[in-house]
Amino acid sequence: MNLSKIEKHYDESIKKYGPTSKGVGWNDKEGQILRFQKLLNVIPPPNNKNVLA
């Protein structure tokens, strides 16, 4: 699989919008937060309760 087109898209988008939600193709910060919340719903919790360990 050739990823050069995808890499170019993200490179240009980040140059234009910076390291923001829009820079990675998400509409806004609220959408980004929603995506992270949804991901956390499907990721099993770690065995160790100390997440920073």
PDB file of N, CA and C in Angstrom:
ATOM      1  N   MET A   1       0.842  -1.183   0.000  1.00  0.00           N
ATOM      2  CA  MET A   1       0.000   0.000   0.000  1.00  0.00           C
ATOM      3  C   MET A   1       0.887   1.247   0.000  1.00  0.00           C
ATOM      4  N   ASN A   2       0.612   2.146  -0.911  1.00  0.00           N
ATOM      5  CA  ASN A   2       1.370   3.380  -1.015  1.00  0.00           C
ATOM      6  C   ASN A   2       0.712   4.443  -0.136  1.00  0.00           C
ATOM      7  N   LEU A   3       1.412   4.867   0.882  1.00  0.00           N
ATOM      8  CA  LEU A   3       0.858   5.839   1.824  1.00  0.00           C
ATOM      9  C   LEU A   3       1.298   7.269   1.529  1.00  0.00           C
ATOM     10  N   SER A   4       1.982   7.478   0.428  1.00  0.00           N
ATOM     11  CA  SER A   4       2.532   8.814   0.160  1.00  0.00           C
ATOM     12  C   SER A   4       1.430   9.859  -0.031  1.00  0.00           C
ATOM     13  N   LYS A   5       0.301   9.497  -0.624  1.00  0.00           N
ATOM     14  CA  LYS A   5      -0.795  10.461  -0.803  1.00  0.00           C
ATOM     15  C   LYS A   5      -1.394  10.845   0.543  1.00  0.00           C
ATOM     16  N   ILE A   6      -1.533   9.861   1.414  1.00  0.00           N
ATOM     17  CA  ILE A   6      -2.081  10.132   2.747  1.00  0.00           C
ATOM     18  C   ILE A   6      -1.113  11.002   3.538  1.00  0.00           C
ATOM     19  N   GLU A   7       0.158  10.657   3.464  1.00  0.00           N
ATOM     20  CA  GLU A   7       1.175  11.446   4.164  1.00  0.00           C
ATOM     21  C   GLU A   7       1.183  12.883   3.659  1.00  0.00           C
ATOM     22  N   LYS A   8       1.096  13.059   2.352  1.00  0.00           N
ATOM     23  CA  LYS A   8       1.077  14.408   1.765  1.00  0.00           C
ATOM     24  C   LYS A   8      -0.140  15.188   2.247  1.00  0.00           C
ATOM     25  N   HIS A   9      -1.302  14.528   2.287  1.00  0.00           N
ATOM     26  CA  HIS A   9      -2.527  15.187   2.751  1.00  0.00           C
ATOM     27  C   HIS A   9      -2.348  15.720   4.171  1.00  0.00           C
ATOM     28  N   TYR A  10      -1.855  14.856   5.081  1.00  0.00           N
ATOM     29  CA  TYR A  10      -1.691  15.286   6.474  1.00  0.00           C
ATOM     30  C   TYR A  10      -0.595  16.324   6.621  1.00  0.00           C
ATOM     31  N   ASP A  11       0.481  16.183   5.884  1.00  0.00           N
ATOM     32  CA  ASP A  11       1.547  17.194   5.926  1.00  0.00           C
ATOM     33  C   ASP A  11       1.009  18.565   5.539  1.00  0.00           C
ATOM     34  N   GLU A  12       0.242  18.623   4.452  1.00  0.00           N
ATOM     35  CA  GLU A  12      -0.302  19.905   3.987  1.00  0.00           C
ATOM     36  C   GLU A  12      -1.340  20.454   4.965  1.00  0.00           C
ATOM     37  N   SER A  13      -2.162  19.577   5.485  1.00  0.00           N
ATOM     38  CA  SER A  13      -3.207  20.009   6.418  1.00  0.00           C
ATOM     39  C   SER A  13      -2.609  20.555   7.712  1.00  0.00           C
ATOM     40  N   ILE A  14      -1.591  19.880   8.224  1.00  0.00           N
ATOM     41  CA  ILE A  14      -0.961  20.349   9.459  1.00  0.00           C
ATOM     42  C   ILE A  14      -0.207  21.651   9.218  1.00  0.00           C
ATOM     43  N   LYS A  15       0.408  21.790   8.054  1.00  0.00           N
ATOM     44  CA  LYS A  15       1.073  23.058   7.736  1.00  0.00           C
ATOM     45  C   LYS A  15       0.056  24.199   7.671  1.00  0.00           C
ATOM     46  N   LYS A  16      -1.130  23.913   7.138  1.00  0.00           N
ATOM     47  CA  LYS A  16      -2.159  24.939   6.976  1.00  0.00           C
ATOM     48  C   LYS A  16      -2.850  25.284   8.294  1.00  0.00           C
ATOM     49  N   TYR A  17      -3.205  24.250   9.090  1.00  0.00           N
ATOM     50  CA  TYR A  17      -4.012  24.467  10.294  1.00  0.00           C
ATOM     51  C   TYR A  17      -3.240  24.288  11.597  1.00  0.00           C
ATOM     52  N   GLY A  18      -2.002  23.793  11.501  1.00  0.00           N
ATOM     53  CA  GLY A  18      -1.220  23.571  12.708  1.00  0.00           C
ATOM     54  C   GLY A  18      -1.628  22.293  13.415  1.00  0.00           C
ATOM     55  N   PRO A  19      -1.012  22.047  14.572  1.00  0.00           N
ATOM     56  CA  PRO A  19      -1.303  20.825  15.324  1.00  0.00           C
ATOM     57  C   PRO A  19      -2.621  20.942  16.089  1.00  0.00           C
ATOM     58  N   THR A  20      -3.693  20.999  15.342  1.00  0.00           N
ATOM     59  CA  THR A  20      -5.028  21.160  15.916  1.00  0.00           C
ATOM     60  C   THR A  20      -5.921  20.032  15.422  1.00  0.00           C
ATOM     61  N   SER A  21      -7.131  19.983  15.944  1.00  0.00           N
ATOM     62  CA  SER A  21      -8.074  18.971  15.471  1.00  0.00           C
ATOM     63  C   SER A  21      -8.317  19.128  13.971  1.00  0.00           C
ATOM     64  N   LYS A  22      -8.404  20.348  13.508  1.00  0.00           N
ATOM     65  CA  LYS A  22      -8.616  20.589  12.080  1.00  0.00           C
ATOM     66  C   LYS A  22      -7.387  20.170  11.259  1.00  0.00           C
ATOM     67  N   GLY A  23      -6.223  20.292  11.855  1.00  0.00           N
ATOM     68  CA  GLY A  23      -4.988  19.902  11.183  1.00  0.00           C
ATOM     69  C   GLY A  23      -4.904  18.416  10.867  1.00  0.00           C
ATOM     70  N   VAL A  24      -5.651  17.603  11.605  1.00  0.00           N
ATOM     71  CA  VAL A  24      -5.670  16.163  11.336  1.00  0.00           C
ATOM     72  C   VAL A  24      -6.999  15.726  10.739  1.00  0.00           C
ATOM     73  N   GLY A  25      -7.767  16.683  10.224  1.00  0.00           N
ATOM     74  CA  GLY A  25      -8.969  16.359   9.480  1.00  0.00           C
ATOM     75  C   GLY A  25     -10.237  16.240  10.295  1.00  0.00           C
ATOM     76  N   TRP A  26     -10.194  16.628  11.558  1.00  0.00           N
ATOM     77  CA  TRP A  26     -11.407  16.598  12.372  1.00  0.00           C
ATOM     78  C   TRP A  26     -12.018  17.983  12.330  1.00  0.00           C
ATOM     79  N   ASN A  27     -13.333  18.047  12.331  1.00  0.00           N
ATOM     80  CA  ASN A  27     -14.018  19.332  12.156  1.00  0.00           C
ATOM     81  C   ASN A  27     -13.728  20.327  13.272  1.00  0.00           C
ATOM     82  N   ASP A  28     -13.760  19.869  14.510  1.00  0.00           N
ATOM     83  CA  ASP A  28     -13.568  20.792  15.617  1.00  0.00           C
ATOM     84  C   ASP A  28     -13.121  20.052  16.863  1.00  0.00           C
ATOM     85  N   LYS A  29     -12.810  20.810  17.901  1.00  0.00           N
ATOM     86  CA  LYS A  29     -12.323  20.223  19.142  1.00  0.00           C
ATOM     87  C   LYS A  29     -13.368  19.313  19.779  1.00  0.00           C
ATOM     88  N   GLU A  30     -14.639  19.687  19.684  1.00  0.00           N
ATOM     89  CA  GLU A  30     -15.702  18.875  20.275  1.00  0.00           C
ATOM     90  C   GLU A  30     -15.760  17.492  19.621  1.00  0.00           C
ATOM     91  N   GLY A  31     -15.587  17.454  18.301  1.00  0.00           N
ATOM     92  CA  GLY A  31     -15.560  16.182  17.590  1.00  0.00           C
ATOM     93  C   GLY A  31     -14.371  15.332  18.010  1.00  0.00           C
ATOM     94  N   GLN A  32     -13.251  15.984  18.243  1.00  0.00           N
ATOM     95  CA  GLN A  32     -12.053  15.280  18.690  1.00  0.00           C
ATOM     96  C   GLN A  32     -12.297  14.671  20.069  1.00  0.00           C
ATOM     97  N   ILE A  33     -12.871  15.427  20.966  1.00  0.00           N
ATOM     98  CA  ILE A  33     -13.162  14.928  22.313  1.00  0.00           C
ATOM     99  C   ILE A  33     -14.125  13.749  22.244  1.00  0.00           C
ATOM    100  N   LEU A  34     -15.151  13.852  21.399  1.00  0.00           N
ATOM    101  CA  LEU A  34     -16.112  12.762  21.249  1.00  0.00           C
ATOM    102  C   LEU A  34     -15.417  11.493  20.760  1.00  0.00           C
ATOM    103  N   ARG A  35     -14.505  11.615  19.808  1.00  0.00           N
ATOM    104  CA  ARG A  35     -13.786  10.449  19.309  1.00  0.00           C
ATOM    105  C   ARG A  35     -12.979   9.788  20.417  1.00  0.00           C
ATOM    106  N   PHE A  36     -12.286  10.603  21.230  1.00  0.00           N
ATOM    107  CA  PHE A  36     -11.510  10.037  22.330  1.00  0.00           C
ATOM    108  C   PHE A  36     -12.419   9.349  23.344  1.00  0.00           C
ATOM    109  N   GLN A  37     -13.571   9.941  23.628  1.00  0.00           N
ATOM    110  CA  GLN A  37     -14.515   9.311  24.559  1.00  0.00           C
ATOM    111  C   GLN A  37     -14.987   7.962  24.022  1.00  0.00           C
ATOM    112  N   LYS A  38     -15.299   7.905  22.742  1.00  0.00           N
ATOM    113  CA  LYS A  38     -15.747   6.654  22.129  1.00  0.00           C
ATOM    114  C   LYS A  38     -14.640   5.604  22.160  1.00  0.00           C
ATOM    115  N   LEU A  39     -13.397   6.021  21.896  1.00  0.00           N
ATOM    116  CA  LEU A  39     -12.277   5.081  21.963  1.00  0.00           C
ATOM    117  C   LEU A  39     -12.114   4.520  23.375  1.00  0.00           C
ATOM    118  N   LEU A  40     -12.267   5.377  24.365  1.00  0.00           N
ATOM    119  CA  LEU A  40     -12.122   4.916  25.741  1.00  0.00           C
ATOM    120  C   LEU A  40     -13.212   3.923  26.126  1.00  0.00           C
ATOM    121  N   ASN A  41     -14.344   3.976  25.465  1.00  0.00           N
ATOM    122  CA  ASN A  41     -15.426   3.034  25.742  1.00  0.00           C
ATOM    123  C   ASN A  41     -15.116   1.626  25.250  1.00  0.00           C
ATOM    124  N   VAL A  42     -14.217   1.485  24.286  1.00  0.00           N
ATOM    125  CA  VAL A  42     -13.914   0.162  23.737  1.00  0.00           C
ATOM    126  C   VAL A  42     -12.539  -0.372  24.141  1.00  0.00           C
ATOM    127  N   ILE A  43     -11.742   0.443  24.789  1.00  0.00           N
ATOM    128  CA  ILE A  43     -10.425   0.006  25.252  1.00  0.00           C
ATOM    129  C   ILE A  43     -10.578  -0.538  26.662  1.00  0.00           C
ATOM    130  N   PRO A  44     -10.159  -1.782  26.886  1.00  0.00           N
ATOM    131  CA  PRO A  44     -10.283  -2.333  28.236  1.00  0.00           C
ATOM    132  C   PRO A  44      -9.377  -1.597  29.215  1.00  0.00           C
ATOM    133  N   PRO A  45      -9.831  -1.461  30.458  1.00  0.00           N
ATOM    134  CA  PRO A  45      -8.984  -0.777  31.453  1.00  0.00           C
ATOM    135  C   PRO A  45      -7.726  -1.602  31.721  1.00  0.00           C
ATOM    136  N   PRO A  46      -6.645  -0.935  32.082  1.00  0.00           N
ATOM    137  CA  PRO A  46      -5.400  -1.664  32.384  1.00  0.00           C
ATOM    138  C   PRO A  46      -5.568  -2.462  33.674  1.00  0.00           C
ATOM    139  N   ASN A  47      -4.781  -3.514  33.799  1.00  0.00           N
ATOM    140  CA  ASN A  47      -4.788  -4.306  35.033  1.00  0.00           C
ATOM    141  C   ASN A  47      -4.291  -3.480  36.211  1.00  0.00           C
ATOM    142  N   ASN A  48      -3.327  -2.629  35.939  1.00  0.00           N
ATOM    143  CA  ASN A  48      -2.775  -1.751  36.958  1.00  0.00           C
ATOM    144  C   ASN A  48      -3.564  -0.457  36.934  1.00  0.00           C
ATOM    145  N   LYS A  49      -4.125  -0.068  38.054  1.00  0.00           N
ATOM    146  CA  LYS A  49      -4.972   1.128  38.096  1.00  0.00           C
ATOM    147  C   LYS A  49      -4.173   2.420  37.928  1.00  0.00           C
ATOM    148  N   ASN A  50      -2.862   2.370  38.060  1.00  0.00           N
ATOM    149  CA  ASN A  50      -2.027   3.543  37.884  1.00  0.00           C
ATOM    150  C   ASN A  50      -1.724   3.685  36.387  1.00  0.00           C
ATOM    151  N   VAL A  51      -2.472   4.532  35.721  1.00  0.00           N
ATOM    152  CA  VAL A  51      -2.345   4.699  34.273  1.00  0.00           C
ATOM    153  C   VAL A  51      -0.983   5.283  33.885  1.00  0.00           C
ATOM    154  N   LEU A  52      -0.388   6.059  34.772  1.00  0.00           N
ATOM    155  CA  LEU A  52       0.868   6.720  34.449  1.00  0.00           C
ATOM    156  C   LEU A  52       2.075   5.813  34.670  1.00  0.00           C
ATOM    157  N   ALA A  53       1.867   4.628  35.142  1.00  0.00           N
ATOM    158  CA  ALA A  53       2.992   3.718  35.425  1.00  0.00           C
ATOM    159  C   ALA A  53       3.642   3.238  34.150  1.00  0.00           C
TER     160      ALA A  53
END
